[in-house]
C-alpha cells in the first residue's frame, strides 16, 4: 500500500477509535457536547473536536489536529492527556515519519520524532 494511503487510513482509524471509546461523549443529545471526527482527505487534514452546548455556553474545541505533509504525519494539536501518537506508532508508523508540530522547530530536535 502506498505510504500516503496507509497514513490516511491510520489517522482515520486512530481518531475514530478515540472518538468511539471516549467515555465523556456518550450522549447524542443536540443540547450537550458531542465529539466529532472530521476527515479532509483531499487536503490531508484530520481532526477530532468537541462541539455543542454546556451550561448555556457554546463549546467548539479542537482536541486533535493532524496534517499529512511531505509524506509525514504532522501532529499540529493534542490538548488531551491521551497519547494518540502511541496509537499511530502501534499501527506501524515510524517515529521518523511523525512530526510533533505543536513543539517549536527548535525544540523538535530534542524529541525522538522527526524535526520536520
PDB file of N, CA and C in Angstrom:
ATOM      1  N   UNK A   1       0.845  -1.181   0.000  1.00  0.00           N
ATOM      2  CA  UNK A   1       0.000   0.000   0.000  1.00  0.00           C
ATOM      3  C   UNK A   1       0.893   1.247   0.000  1.00  0.00           C
ATOM      4  N   UNK A   2       0.524   2.209  -0.794  1.00  0.00           N
ATOM      5  CA  UNK A   2       1.213   3.490  -0.842  1.00  0.00           C
ATOM      6  C   UNK A   2       1.266   4.105   0.560  1.00  0.00           C
ATOM      7  N   UNK A   3       2.409   4.708   0.903  1.00  0.00           N
ATOM      8  CA  UNK A   3       2.589   5.263   2.252  1.00  0.00           C
ATOM      9  C   UNK A   3       1.529   6.315   2.575  1.00  0.00           C
ATOM     10  N   UNK A   4       1.226   7.201   1.660  1.00  0.00           N
ATOM     11  CA  UNK A   4       0.232   8.237   1.910  1.00  0.00           C
ATOM     12  C   UNK A   4      -1.144   7.638   2.175  1.00  0.00           C
ATOM     13  N   UNK A   5      -1.520   6.637   1.399  1.00  0.00           N
ATOM     14  CA  UNK A   5      -2.809   5.962   1.632  1.00  0.00           C
ATOM     15  C   UNK A   5      -2.818   5.278   2.990  1.00  0.00           C
ATOM     16  N   UNK A   6      -1.699   4.648   3.339  1.00  0.00           N
ATOM     17  CA  UNK A   6      -1.598   3.979   4.647  1.00  0.00           C
ATOM     18  C   UNK A   6      -1.756   4.992   5.778  1.00  0.00           C
ATOM     19  N   UNK A   7      -1.079   6.127   5.684  1.00  0.00           N
ATOM     20  CA  UNK A   7      -1.136   7.118   6.749  1.00  0.00           C
ATOM     21  C   UNK A   7      -2.519   7.744   6.860  1.00  0.00           C
ATOM     22  N   UNK A   8      -3.192   7.941   5.741  1.00  0.00           N
ATOM     23  CA  UNK A   8      -4.580   8.415   5.787  1.00  0.00           C
ATOM     24  C   UNK A   8      -5.444   7.420   6.544  1.00  0.00           C
ATOM     25  N   UNK A   9      -5.282   6.138   6.228  1.00  0.00           N
ATOM     26  CA  UNK A   9      -6.071   5.099   6.884  1.00  0.00           C
ATOM     27  C   UNK A   9      -5.753   5.025   8.373  1.00  0.00           C
ATOM     28  N   UNK A  10      -4.488   5.117   8.727  1.00  0.00           N
ATOM     29  CA  UNK A  10      -4.077   5.087  10.138  1.00  0.00           C
ATOM     30  C   UNK A  10      -4.727   6.233  10.905  1.00  0.00           C
ATOM     31  N   UNK A  11      -4.670   7.433  10.357  1.00  0.00           N
ATOM     32  CA  UNK A  11      -5.263   8.578  11.048  1.00  0.00           C
ATOM     33  C   UNK A  11      -6.765   8.409  11.210  1.00  0.00           C
ATOM     34  N   UNK A  12      -7.436   7.954  10.180  1.00  0.00           N
ATOM     35  CA  UNK A  12      -8.883   7.739  10.289  1.00  0.00           C
ATOM     36  C   UNK A  12      -9.202   6.693  11.353  1.00  0.00           C
ATOM     37  N   UNK A  13      -8.423   5.625  11.402  1.00  0.00           N
ATOM     38  CA  UNK A  13      -8.663   4.566  12.387  1.00  0.00           C
ATOM     39  C   UNK A  13      -8.432   5.055  13.815  1.00  0.00           C
ATOM     40  N   UNK A  14      -7.291   5.693  14.081  1.00  0.00           N
ATOM     41  CA  UNK A  14      -6.991   6.073  15.463  1.00  0.00           C
ATOM     42  C   UNK A  14      -7.927   7.177  15.957  1.00  0.00           C
ATOM     43  N   UNK A  15      -8.299   8.098  15.091  1.00  0.00           N
ATOM     44  CA  UNK A  15      -9.211   9.163  15.515  1.00  0.00           C
ATOM     45  C   UNK A  15     -10.622   8.626  15.736  1.00  0.00           C
ATOM     46  N   UNK A  16     -11.054   7.719  14.884  1.00  0.00           N
ATOM     47  CA  UNK A  16     -12.376   7.113  15.058  1.00  0.00           C
ATOM     48  C   UNK A  16     -12.415   6.272  16.330  1.00  0.00           C
ATOM     49  N   UNK A  17     -11.352   5.506  16.573  1.00  0.00           N
ATOM     50  CA  UNK A  17     -11.289   4.698  17.802  1.00  0.00           C
ATOM     51  C   UNK A  17     -11.320   5.596  19.040  1.00  0.00           C
ATOM     52  N   UNK A  18     -10.585   6.694  19.005  1.00  0.00           N
ATOM     53  CA  UNK A  18     -10.590   7.627  20.130  1.00  0.00           C
ATOM     54  C   UNK A  18     -12.004   8.153  20.373  1.00  0.00           C
ATOM     55  N   UNK A  19     -12.648   8.623  19.320  1.00  0.00           N
ATOM     56  CA  UNK A  19     -13.990   9.205  19.451  1.00  0.00           C
ATOM     57  C   UNK A  19     -15.002   8.166  19.915  1.00  0.00           C
ATOM     58  N   UNK A  20     -14.895   6.971  19.410  1.00  0.00           N
ATOM     59  CA  UNK A  20     -15.833   5.907  19.757  1.00  0.00           C
ATOM     60  C   UNK A  20     -15.677   5.470  21.209  1.00  0.00           C
ATOM     61  N   UNK A  21     -14.467   5.451  21.696  1.00  0.00           N
ATOM     62  CA  UNK A  21     -14.188   4.942  23.039  1.00  0.00           C
ATOM     63  C   UNK A  21     -14.123   6.022  24.109  1.00  0.00           C
ATOM     64  N   UNK A  22     -14.339   7.269  23.753  1.00  0.00           N
ATOM     65  CA  UNK A  22     -14.281   8.352  24.721  1.00  0.00           C
ATOM     66  C   UNK A  22     -15.521   8.323  25.612  1.00  0.00           C
ATOM     67  N   UNK A  23     -15.323   8.046  26.897  1.00  0.00           N
ATOM     68  CA  UNK A  23     -16.440   7.890  27.845  1.00  0.00           C
ATOM     69  C   UNK A  23     -17.212   9.183  28.075  1.00  0.00           C
ATOM     70  N   UNK A  24     -16.559  10.326  27.948  1.00  0.00           N
ATOM     71  CA  UNK A  24     -17.210  11.578  28.290  1.00  0.00           C
ATOM     72  C   UNK A  24     -18.122  12.105  27.185  1.00  0.00           C
ATOM     73  N   UNK A  25     -18.266  11.362  26.099  1.00  0.00           N
ATOM     74  CA  UNK A  25     -19.044  11.857  24.972  1.00  0.00           C
ATOM     75  C   UNK A  25     -20.092  10.847  24.502  1.00  0.00           C
ATOM     76  N   UNK A  26     -20.674  10.115  25.396  1.00  0.00           N
ATOM     77  CA  UNK A  26     -21.633   9.086  25.002  1.00  0.00           C
ATOM     78  C   UNK A  26     -22.999   9.654  24.624  1.00  0.00           C
ATOM     79  N   UNK A  27     -23.343  10.836  25.101  1.00  0.00           N
ATOM     80  CA  UNK A  27     -24.643  11.428  24.806  1.00  0.00           C
ATOM     81  C   UNK A  27     -24.715  11.887  23.363  1.00  0.00           C
ATOM     82  N   UNK A  28     -25.845  11.697  22.733  1.00  0.00           N
ATOM     83  CA  UNK A  28     -26.062  12.199  21.384  1.00  0.00           C
ATOM     84  C   UNK A  28     -27.116  13.298  21.370  1.00  0.00           C
ATOM     85  N   UNK A  29     -27.426  13.855  22.523  1.00  0.00           N
ATOM     86  CA  UNK A  29     -28.390  14.942  22.620  1.00  0.00           C
ATOM     87  C   UNK A  29     -27.816  16.189  21.949  1.00  0.00           C
ATOM     88  N   UNK A  30     -28.595  16.885  21.109  1.00  0.00           N
ATOM     89  CA  UNK A  30     -28.077  18.089  20.456  1.00  0.00           C
ATOM     90  C   UNK A  30     -27.809  19.230  21.425  1.00  0.00           C
ATOM     91  N   UNK A  31     -28.291  19.131  22.665  1.00  0.00           N
ATOM     92  CA  UNK A  31     -28.083  20.177  23.656  1.00  0.00           C
ATOM     93  C   UNK A  31     -26.859  19.929  24.527  1.00  0.00           C
ATOM     94  N   UNK A  32     -26.093  18.900  24.224  1.00  0.00           N
ATOM     95  CA  UNK A  32     -24.915  18.582  25.010  1.00  0.00           C
ATOM     96  C   UNK A  32     -23.693  18.513  24.101  1.00  0.00           C
ATOM     97  N   UNK A  33     -22.533  18.473  24.705  1.00  0.00           N
ATOM     98  CA  UNK A  33     -21.291  18.432  23.945  1.00  0.00           C
ATOM     99  C   UNK A  33     -21.134  17.061  23.304  1.00  0.00           C
ATOM    100  N   UNK A  34     -20.831  17.068  22.023  1.00  0.00           N
ATOM    101  CA  UNK A  34     -20.585  15.840  21.261  1.00  0.00           C
ATOM    102  C   UNK A  34     -19.167  15.859  20.731  1.00  0.00           C
ATOM    103  N   UNK A  35     -18.654  14.678  20.473  1.00  0.00           N
ATOM    104  CA  UNK A  35     -17.340  14.573  19.855  1.00  0.00           C
ATOM    105  C   UNK A  35     -17.553  14.306  18.366  1.00  0.00           C
ATOM    106  N   UNK A  36     -16.810  15.021  17.536  1.00  0.00           N
ATOM    107  CA  UNK A  36     -16.919  14.883  16.087  1.00  0.00           C
ATOM    108  C   UNK A  36     -15.550  14.564  15.517  1.00  0.00           C
ATOM    109  N   UNK A  37     -15.546  13.745  14.470  1.00  0.00           N
ATOM    110  CA  UNK A  37     -14.322  13.403  13.763  1.00  0.00           C
ATOM    111  C   UNK A  37     -14.461  13.932  12.344  1.00  0.00           C
ATOM    112  N   UNK A  38     -13.465  14.694  11.905  1.00  0.00           N
ATOM    113  CA  UNK A  38     -13.501  15.296  10.582  1.00  0.00           C
ATOM    114  C   UNK A  38     -12.306  14.822   9.762  1.00  0.00           C
ATOM    115  N   UNK A  39     -12.590  14.367   8.532  1.00  0.00           N
ATOM    116  CA  UNK A  39     -11.540  13.917   7.625  1.00  0.00           C
ATOM    117  C   UNK A  39     -11.621  14.722   6.336  1.00  0.00           C
ATOM    118  N   UNK A  40     -10.560  15.396   5.975  1.00  0.00           N
ATOM    119  CA  UNK A  40     -10.451  16.085   4.695  1.00  0.00           C
ATOM    120  C   UNK A  40      -9.295  15.434   3.945  1.00  0.00           C
ATOM    121  N   UNK A  41      -9.608  14.348   3.251  1.00  0.00           N
ATOM    122  CA  UNK A  41      -8.562  13.597   2.552  1.00  0.00           C
ATOM    123  C   UNK A  41      -8.013  14.343   1.345  1.00  0.00           C
ATOM    124  N   UNK A  42      -8.800  15.204   0.756  1.00  0.00           N
ATOM    125  CA  UNK A  42      -8.327  15.955  -0.404  1.00  0.00           C
ATOM    126  C   UNK A  42      -7.179  16.886  -0.014  1.00  0.00           C
ATOM    127  N   UNK A  43      -7.287  17.507   1.158  1.00  0.00           N
ATOM    128  CA  UNK A  43      -6.252  18.428   1.636  1.00  0.00           C
ATOM    129  C   UNK A  43      -5.408  17.847   2.761  1.00  0.00           C
ATOM    130  N   UNK A  44      -5.713  16.609   3.154  1.00  0.00           N
ATOM    131  CA  UNK A  44      -4.980  15.880   4.193  1.00  0.00           C
ATOM    132  C   UNK A  44      -4.959  16.585   5.547  1.00  0.00           C
ATOM    133  N   UNK A  45      -6.177  16.922   6.024  1.00  0.00           N
ATOM    134  CA  UNK A  45      -6.377  17.459   7.372  1.00  0.00           C
ATOM    135  C   UNK A  45      -7.311  16.500   8.117  1.00  0.00           C
ATOM    136  N   UNK A  46      -7.011  16.227   9.390  1.00  0.00           N
ATOM    137  CA  UNK A  46      -7.784  15.267  10.187  1.00  0.00           C
ATOM    138  C   UNK A  46      -7.942  15.847  11.590  1.00  0.00           C
ATOM    139  N   UNK A  47      -9.199  15.860  12.098  1.00  0.00           N
ATOM    140  CA  UNK A  47      -9.462  16.470  13.400  1.00  0.00           C
ATOM    141  C   UNK A  47     -10.442  15.666  14.232  1.00  0.00           C
ATOM    142  N   UNK A  48     -10.317  15.859  15.537  1.00  0.00           N
ATOM    143  CA  UNK A  48     -11.343  15.472  16.499  1.00  0.00           C
ATOM    144  C   UNK A  48     -11.674  16.739  17.268  1.00  0.00           C
ATOM    145  N   UNK A  49     -12.976  17.003  17.430  1.00  0.00           N
ATOM    146  CA  UNK A  49     -13.356  18.198  18.164  1.00  0.00           C
ATOM    147  C   UNK A  49     -14.573  17.948  19.029  1.00  0.00           C
ATOM    148  N   UNK A  50     -14.694  18.777  20.054  1.00  0.00           N
ATOM    149  CA  UNK A  50     -15.891  18.828  20.896  1.00  0.00           C
ATOM    150  C   UNK A  50     -16.742  19.970  20.382  1.00  0.00           C
ATOM    151  N   UNK A  51     -18.046  19.716  20.235  1.00  0.00           N
ATOM    152  CA  UNK A  51     -18.945  20.756  19.759  1.00  0.00           C
ATOM    153  C   UNK A  51     -20.292  20.582  20.439  1.00  0.00           C
ATOM    154  N   UNK A  52     -20.919  21.685  20.803  1.00  0.00           N
ATOM    155  CA  UNK A  52     -22.237  21.626  21.430  1.00  0.00           C
ATOM    156  C   UNK A  52     -22.400  22.726  22.453  1.00  0.00           C
ATOM    157  N   UNK A  53     -23.211  22.433  23.452  1.00  0.00           N
ATOM    158  CA  UNK A  53     -23.537  23.415  24.490  1.00  0.00           C
ATOM    159  C   UNK A  53     -23.345  22.805  25.872  1.00  0.00           C
ATOM    160  N   UNK A  54     -22.831  23.615  26.773  1.00  0.00           N
ATOM    161  CA  UNK A  54     -22.648  23.200  28.154  1.00  0.00           C
ATOM    162  C   UNK A  54     -22.899  24.401  29.054  1.00  0.00           C
ATOM    163  N   UNK A  55     -23.852  24.267  29.981  1.00  0.00           N
ATOM    164  CA  UNK A  55     -24.184  25.340  30.921  1.00  0.00           C
ATOM    165  C   UNK A  55     -24.463  26.670  30.214  1.00  0.00           C
ATOM    166  N   UNK A  56     -25.181  26.597  29.098  1.00  0.00           N
ATOM    167  CA  UNK A  56     -25.559  27.801  28.375  1.00  0.00           C
ATOM    168  C   UNK A  56     -24.465  28.427  27.526  1.00  0.00           C
ATOM    169  N   UNK A  57     -23.336  27.754  27.396  1.00  0.00           N
ATOM    170  CA  UNK A  57     -22.228  28.279  26.597  1.00  0.00           C
ATOM    171  C   UNK A  57     -21.913  27.328  25.448  1.00  0.00           C
ATOM    172  N   UNK A  58     -21.632  27.924  24.301  1.00  0.00           N
ATOM    173  CA  UNK A  58     -21.265  27.103  23.149  1.00  0.00           C
ATOM    174  C   UNK A  58     -19.849  26.583  23.312  1.00  0.00           C
ATOM    175  N   UNK A  59     -19.681  25.316  22.985  1.00  0.00           N
ATOM    176  CA  UNK A  59     -18.372  24.661  23.041  1.00  0.00           C
ATOM    177  C   UNK A  59     -17.943  24.337  21.618  1.00  0.00           C
ATOM    178  N   UNK A  60     -16.751  24.743  21.265  1.00  0.00           N
ATOM    179  CA  UNK A  60     -16.123  24.358  19.994  1.00  0.00           C
ATOM    180  C   UNK A  60     -14.642  24.270  20.275  1.00  0.00           C
ATOM    181  N   UNK A  61     -14.142  23.052  20.434  1.00  0.00           N
ATOM    182  CA  UNK A  61     -12.781  22.846  20.890  1.00  0.00           C
ATOM    183  C   UNK A  61     -12.115  21.758  20.054  1.00  0.00           C
ATOM    184  N   UNK A  62     -11.039  22.107  19.384  1.00  0.00           N
ATOM    185  CA  UNK A  62     -10.266  21.132  18.620  1.00  0.00           C
ATOM    186  C   UNK A  62      -9.355  20.382  19.589  1.00  0.00           C
ATOM    187  N   UNK A  63      -9.571  19.091  19.689  1.00  0.00           N
ATOM    188  CA  UNK A  63      -8.772  18.248  20.589  1.00  0.00           C
ATOM    189  C   UNK A  63      -7.506  17.771  19.882  1.00  0.00           C
ATOM    190  N   UNK A  64      -7.688  17.227  18.682  1.00  0.00           N
ATOM    191  CA  UNK A  64      -6.568  16.761  17.858  1.00  0.00           C
ATOM    192  C   UNK A  64      -6.664  17.385  16.476  1.00  0.00           C
ATOM    193  N   UNK A  65      -5.518  17.724  15.924  1.00  0.00           N
ATOM    194  CA  UNK A  65      -5.457  18.116  14.517  1.00  0.00           C
ATOM    195  C   UNK A  65      -4.166  17.544  13.935  1.00  0.00           C
ATOM    196  N   UNK A  66      -4.319  16.818  12.829  1.00  0.00           N
ATOM    197  CA  UNK A  66      -3.188  16.228  12.117  1.00  0.00           C
ATOM    198  C   UNK A  66      -3.209  16.687  10.672  1.00  0.00           C
ATOM    199  N   UNK A  67      -2.020  16.845  10.091  1.00  0.00           N
ATOM    200  CA  UNK A  67      -1.874  17.096   8.666  1.00  0.00           C
ATOM    201  C   UNK A  67      -0.900  16.074   8.115  1.00  0.00           C
ATOM    202  N   UNK A  68      -1.080  15.728   6.857  1.00  0.00           N
ATOM    203  CA  UNK A  68      -0.086  14.939   6.138  1.00  0.00           C
ATOM    204  C   UNK A  68       0.670  15.916   5.246  1.00  0.00           C
ATOM    205  N   UNK A  69       1.966  16.054   5.508  1.00  0.00           N
ATOM    206  CA  UNK A  69       2.805  16.991   4.769  1.00  0.00           C
ATOM    207  C   UNK A  69       4.095  16.270   4.371  1.00  0.00           C
ATOM    208  N   UNK A  70       4.380  16.272   3.092  1.00  0.00           N
ATOM    209  CA  UNK A  70       5.622  15.680   2.571  1.00  0.00           C
ATOM    210  C   UNK A  70       5.858  14.260   3.087  1.00  0.00           C
ATOM    211  N   UNK A  71       4.794  13.467   3.114  1.00  0.00           N
ATOM    212  CA  UNK A  71       4.927  12.064   3.492  1.00  0.00           C
ATOM    213  C   UNK A  71       5.059  11.803   4.981  1.00  0.00           C
ATOM    214  N   UNK A  72       4.796  12.815   5.799  1.00  0.00           N
ATOM    215  CA  UNK A  72       4.889  12.647   7.251  1.00  0.00           C
ATOM    216  C   UNK A  72       3.590  13.086   7.910  1.00  0.00           C
ATOM    217  N   UNK A  73       3.337  12.508   9.076  1.00  0.00           N
ATOM    218  CA  UNK A  73       2.182  12.895   9.879  1.00  0.00           C
ATOM    219  C   UNK A  73       2.620  14.013  10.819  1.00  0.00           C
ATOM    220  N   UNK A  74       1.990  15.170  10.657  1.00  0.00           N
ATOM    221  CA  UNK A  74       2.279  16.330  11.492  1.00  0.00           C
ATOM    222  C   UNK A  74       1.201  16.441  12.561  1.00  0.00           C
ATOM    223  N   UNK A  75       1.594  16.309  13.814  1.00  0.00           N
ATOM    224  CA  UNK A  75       0.677  16.451  14.938  1.00  0.00           C
ATOM    225  C   UNK A  75       0.638  17.942  15.281  1.00  0.00           C
ATOM    226  N   UNK A  76      -0.380  18.623  14.780  1.00  0.00           N
ATOM    227  CA  UNK A  76      -0.479  20.070  14.965  1.00  0.00           C
ATOM    228  C   UNK A  76      -1.046  20.434  16.336  1.00  0.00           C
ATOM    229  N   UNK A  77      -1.927  19.560  16.846  1.00  0.00           N
ATOM    230  CA  UNK A  77      -2.573  19.866  18.128  1.00  0.00           C
ATOM    231  C   UNK A  77      -2.941  18.569  18.835  1.00  0.00           C
ATOM    232  N   UNK A  78      -2.663  18.532  20.122  1.00  0.00           N
ATOM    233  CA  UNK A  78      -3.117  17.461  21.009  1.00  0.00           C
ATOM    234  C   UNK A  78      -3.266  18.092  22.380  1.00  0.00           C
ATOM    235  N   UNK A  79      -4.512  18.408  22.744  1.00  0.00           N
ATOM    236  CA  UNK A  79      -4.729  19.042  24.053  1.00  0.00           C
ATOM    237  C   UNK A  79      -5.280  18.055  25.070  1.00  0.00           C
ATOM    238  N   UNK A  80      -5.228  16.780  24.739  1.00  0.00           N
ATOM    239  CA  UNK A  80      -5.727  15.767  25.672  1.00  0.00           C
ATOM    240  C   UNK A  80      -4.559  15.149  26.430  1.00  0.00           C
ATOM    241  N   UNK A  81      -4.901  14.363  27.438  1.00  0.00           N
ATOM    242  CA  UNK A  81      -3.898  13.586  28.157  1.00  0.00           C
ATOM    243  C   UNK A  81      -3.635  12.256  27.467  1.00  0.00           C
ATOM    244  N   UNK A  82      -4.415  11.973  26.433  1.00  0.00           N
ATOM    245  CA  UNK A  82      -4.315  10.696  25.730  1.00  0.00           C
ATOM    246  C   UNK A  82      -3.135  10.719  24.753  1.00  0.00           C
ATOM    247  N   UNK A  83      -2.325   9.665  24.780  1.00  0.00           N
ATOM    248  CA  UNK A  83      -1.154   9.572  23.906  1.00  0.00           C
ATOM    249  C   UNK A  83      -1.549   8.919  22.582  1.00  0.00           C
ATOM    250  N   UNK A  84      -2.165   9.701  21.726  1.00  0.00           N
ATOM    251  CA  UNK A  84      -2.623   9.177  20.448  1.00  0.00           C
ATOM    252  C   UNK A  84      -1.460   8.861  19.515  1.00  0.00           C
ATOM    253  N   UNK A  85      -0.320   9.496  19.722  1.00  0.00           N
ATOM    254  CA  UNK A  85       0.860   9.206  18.911  1.00  0.00           C
ATOM    255  C   UNK A  85       1.302   7.757  19.132  1.00  0.00           C
ATOM    256  N   UNK A  86       1.131   7.270  20.338  1.00  0.00           N
ATOM    257  CA  UNK A  86       1.447   5.864  20.621  1.00  0.00           C
ATOM    258  C   UNK A  86       0.575   4.936  19.766  1.00  0.00           C
ATOM    259  N   UNK A  87      -0.693   5.290  19.605  1.00  0.00           N
ATOM    260  CA  UNK A  87      -1.590   4.505  18.752  1.00  0.00           C
ATOM    261  C   UNK A  87      -1.141   4.536  17.298  1.00  0.00           C
ATOM    262  N   UNK A  88      -0.672   5.696  16.851  1.00  0.00           N
ATOM    263  CA  UNK A  88      -0.191   5.822  15.479  1.00  0.00           C
ATOM    264  C   UNK A  88       1.043   4.950  15.270  1.00  0.00           C
ATOM    265  N   UNK A  89       1.949   4.971  16.224  1.00  0.00           N
ATOM    266  CA  UNK A  89       3.141   4.125  16.145  1.00  0.00           C
ATOM    267  C   UNK A  89       2.768   2.645  16.151  1.00  0.00           C
ATOM    268  N   UNK A  90       1.785   2.271  16.964  1.00  0.00           N
ATOM    269  CA  UNK A  90       1.357   0.872  17.046  1.00  0.00           C
ATOM    270  C   UNK A  90       0.795   0.367  15.720  1.00  0.00           C
ATOM    271  N   UNK A  91       0.343   1.286  14.875  1.00  0.00           N
ATOM    272  CA  UNK A  91      -0.177   0.914  13.554  1.00  0.00           C
ATOM    273  C   UNK A  91       0.936   0.868  12.505  1.00  0.00           C
ATOM    274  N   UNK A  92       2.180   0.998  12.939  1.00  0.00           N
ATOM    275  CA  UNK A  92       3.306   0.813  12.029  1.00  0.00           C
ATOM    276  C   UNK A  92       3.941   2.068  11.472  1.00  0.00           C
ATOM    277  N   UNK A  93       3.582   3.234  11.991  1.00  0.00           N
ATOM    278  CA  UNK A  93       4.196   4.471  11.511  1.00  0.00           C
ATOM    279  C   UNK A  93       5.475   4.718  12.319  1.00  0.00           C
ATOM    280  N   UNK A  94       6.624   4.822  11.656  1.00  0.00           N
ATOM    281  CA  UNK A  94       7.865   5.042  12.404  1.00  0.00           C
ATOM    282  C   UNK A  94       7.956   6.468  12.943  1.00  0.00           C
ATOM    283  N   UNK A  95       8.682   6.630  14.029  1.00  0.00           N
ATOM    284  CA  UNK A  95       8.863   7.953  14.638  1.00  0.00           C
ATOM    285  C   UNK A  95       9.459   8.942  13.641  1.00  0.00           C
ATOM    286  N   UNK A  96      10.246   8.448  12.707  1.00  0.00           N
ATOM    287  CA  UNK A  96      10.872   9.326  11.712  1.00  0.00           C
ATOM    288  C   UNK A  96       9.862   9.928  10.742  1.00  0.00           C
ATOM    289  N   UNK A  97       8.625   9.434  10.751  1.00  0.00           N
ATOM    290  CA  UNK A  97       7.560   9.971   9.906  1.00  0.00           C
ATOM    291  C   UNK A  97       6.482  10.694  10.716  1.00  0.00           C
ATOM    292  N   UNK A  98       6.789  11.029  11.967  1.00  0.00           N
ATOM    293  CA  UNK A  98       5.852  11.756  12.827  1.00  0.00           C
ATOM    294  C   UNK A  98       6.539  13.035  13.299  1.00  0.00           C
ATOM    295  N   UNK A  99       5.895  14.170  13.052  1.00  0.00           N
ATOM    296  CA  UNK A  99       6.424  15.466  13.473  1.00  0.00           C
ATOM    297  C   UNK A  99       5.517  16.001  14.579  1.00  0.00           C
ATOM    298  N   UNK A 100       6.088  16.277  15.730  1.00  0.00           N
ATOM    299  CA  UNK A 100       5.331  16.877  16.829  1.00  0.00           C
ATOM    300  C   UNK A 100       5.320  18.394  16.606  1.00  0.00           C
ATOM    301  N   UNK A 101       4.462  18.826  15.690  1.00  0.00           N
ATOM    302  CA  UNK A 101       4.455  20.217  15.229  1.00  0.00           C
ATOM    303  C   UNK A 101       3.956  21.195  16.280  1.00  0.00           C
ATOM    304  N   UNK A 102       3.356  20.682  17.366  1.00  0.00           N
ATOM    305  CA  UNK A 102       2.934  21.590  18.443  1.00  0.00           C
ATOM    306  C   UNK A 102       4.136  22.057  19.266  1.00  0.00           C
ATOM    307  N   UNK A 103       5.305  21.441  19.037  1.00  0.00           N
ATOM    308  CA  UNK A 103       6.557  21.931  19.619  1.00  0.00           C
ATOM    309  C   UNK A 103       7.205  22.881  18.612  1.00  0.00           C
ATOM    310  N   UNK A 104       7.916  23.857  19.107  1.00  0.00           N
ATOM    311  CA  UNK A 104       8.609  24.778  18.208  1.00  0.00           C
ATOM    312  C   UNK A 104       9.659  24.013  17.397  1.00  0.00           C
ATOM    313  N   UNK A 105       9.998  24.519  16.202  1.00  0.00           N
ATOM    314  CA  UNK A 105      11.024  23.845  15.396  1.00  0.00           C
ATOM    315  C   UNK A 105      12.333  23.650  16.157  1.00  0.00           C
ATOM    316  N   UNK A 106      12.684  24.583  17.015  1.00  0.00           N
ATOM    317  CA  UNK A 106      13.923  24.464  17.785  1.00  0.00           C
ATOM    318  C   UNK A 106      13.867  23.320  18.796  1.00  0.00           C
ATOM    319  N   UNK A 107      12.683  23.039  19.343  1.00  0.00           N
ATOM    320  CA  UNK A 107      12.538  22.001  20.369  1.00  0.00           C
ATOM    321  C   UNK A 107      12.368  20.604  19.769  1.00  0.00           C
ATOM    322  N   UNK A 108      11.898  20.514  18.533  1.00  0.00           N
ATOM    323  CA  UNK A 108      11.635  19.201  17.920  1.00  0.00           C
ATOM    324  C   UNK A 108      12.879  18.329  17.850  1.00  0.00           C
ATOM    325  N   UNK A 109      14.039  18.931  17.701  1.00  0.00           N
ATOM    326  CA  UNK A 109      15.270  18.138  17.588  1.00  0.00           C
ATOM    327  C   UNK A 109      15.594  17.383  18.875  1.00  0.00           C
ATOM    328  N   UNK A 110      14.963  17.752  19.969  1.00  0.00           N
ATOM    329  CA  UNK A 110      15.193  17.090  21.243  1.00  0.00           C
ATOM    330  C   UNK A 110      14.203  15.946  21.502  1.00  0.00           C
ATOM    331  N   UNK A 111      13.282  15.736  20.577  1.00  0.00           N
ATOM    332  CA  UNK A 111      12.346  14.621  20.707  1.00  0.00           C
ATOM    333  C   UNK A 111      12.885  13.428  19.936  1.00  0.00           C
ATOM    334  N   UNK A 112      12.252  12.283  20.097  1.00  0.00           N
ATOM    335  CA  UNK A 112      12.627  11.091  19.342  1.00  0.00           C
ATOM    336  C   UNK A 112      11.955  11.054  17.971  1.00  0.00           C
ATOM    337  N   UNK A 113      11.238  12.129  17.623  1.00  0.00           N
ATOM    338  CA  UNK A 113      10.450  12.160  16.396  1.00  0.00           C
ATOM    339  C   UNK A 113      11.116  13.044  15.350  1.00  0.00           C
ATOM    340  N   UNK A 114      10.530  13.075  14.160  1.00  0.00           N
ATOM    341  CA  UNK A 114      11.081  13.873  13.067  1.00  0.00           C
ATOM    342  C   UNK A 114      11.064  15.356  13.432  1.00  0.00           C
ATOM    343  N   UNK A 115      12.067  16.086  12.960  1.00  0.00           N
ATOM    344  CA  UNK A 115      12.134  17.523  13.217  1.00  0.00           C
ATOM    345  C   UNK A 115      11.245  18.279  12.239  1.00  0.00           C
ATOM    346  N   UNK A 116      11.085  17.753  11.044  1.00  0.00           N
ATOM    347  CA  UNK A 116      10.209  18.346  10.019  1.00  0.00           C
ATOM    348  C   UNK A 116      10.107  17.409   8.838  1.00  0.00           C
TER     349      UNK A 116
END
